Amino acid sequence: MEFFLDTINLDKIAQFQEIIPVAGVTLTPSIIKREGKVDFFEHAKKIRQLIGTKRTLHIQLVAADCEQLIKDAQAVWQNVDSEVFVKIPLSLDGLKAIQYLKKQGPCHITATATYSRIQGMLAMAEHANYLAVYTSRVENIDGDFPGLIKSLKTYAANNHYGTKIMASSIKSVRQITAAAEAGADAVTFAPDVLTKAFENGALTKALTDFTDDWEALYNKRHIY
């Protein structure tokens, strides 16, 4: 499974690239807002320089209608780079924009705001590269996001689509593991979600016991 970071914080991206196998970075207006206003295109270029070309960069488009979504996509590709995965919401206008952009030639598209099977099925038919299922938001409307992921994975396999299912809008480690068990190809989450998972009293005690027991025997807190 691929692990993506929901952040524009360069320090956190650099930190977690040394801890987990980061596949890329995803950006939305909400993620940017958490860090404060930045020079968007220049900051996106800095992220690209940091993660390199072997990892992928996914940028959410913000326009509502098809024509403006297309212009948004072109602006991102022109001002950042042509390898960016533009994130297009699965409204009717979004589907129209995906179809148009794919017909223009090879391009990278992540279909977002997926709440239903029909959205996912149509995005696959338009050959979206990734399909972002909004896990927390599906749960908030009493939906079954693992069931949705499983269903979309089955549909993709049965119809030989190459679209990858990405679990996004992740708020807890439980959602990451549930998405993995459901067959998601990728998950994207804020670094703090993972940090909190390791703020575990039992884990802290185990580490302390290892060091304390070693010190009691050898009068030092390391092996070397």
Foldseek 3Di string as FASTA:
>chain_A
DAEEEAALDLVVVLVVVVPDVHQYYEYDPVRCVVVHDDPPLVSLQVRCVSVDDRHAYEYEDDDDAQVVSLVSLVCNCVRRHQRHAYEFEQDPRSLVNLLVVVVVDDGAYEYEPDQALVSLVSCLVSQHQEYEHAVVVNVVVVHDVLVSLLVSVVVCVVVVGNYFYEYENDDAVVSVVSNVVSPGPYYYYHPVRVVVVCVDPVNVVVLVVVQVVVCVVVVHRDDD
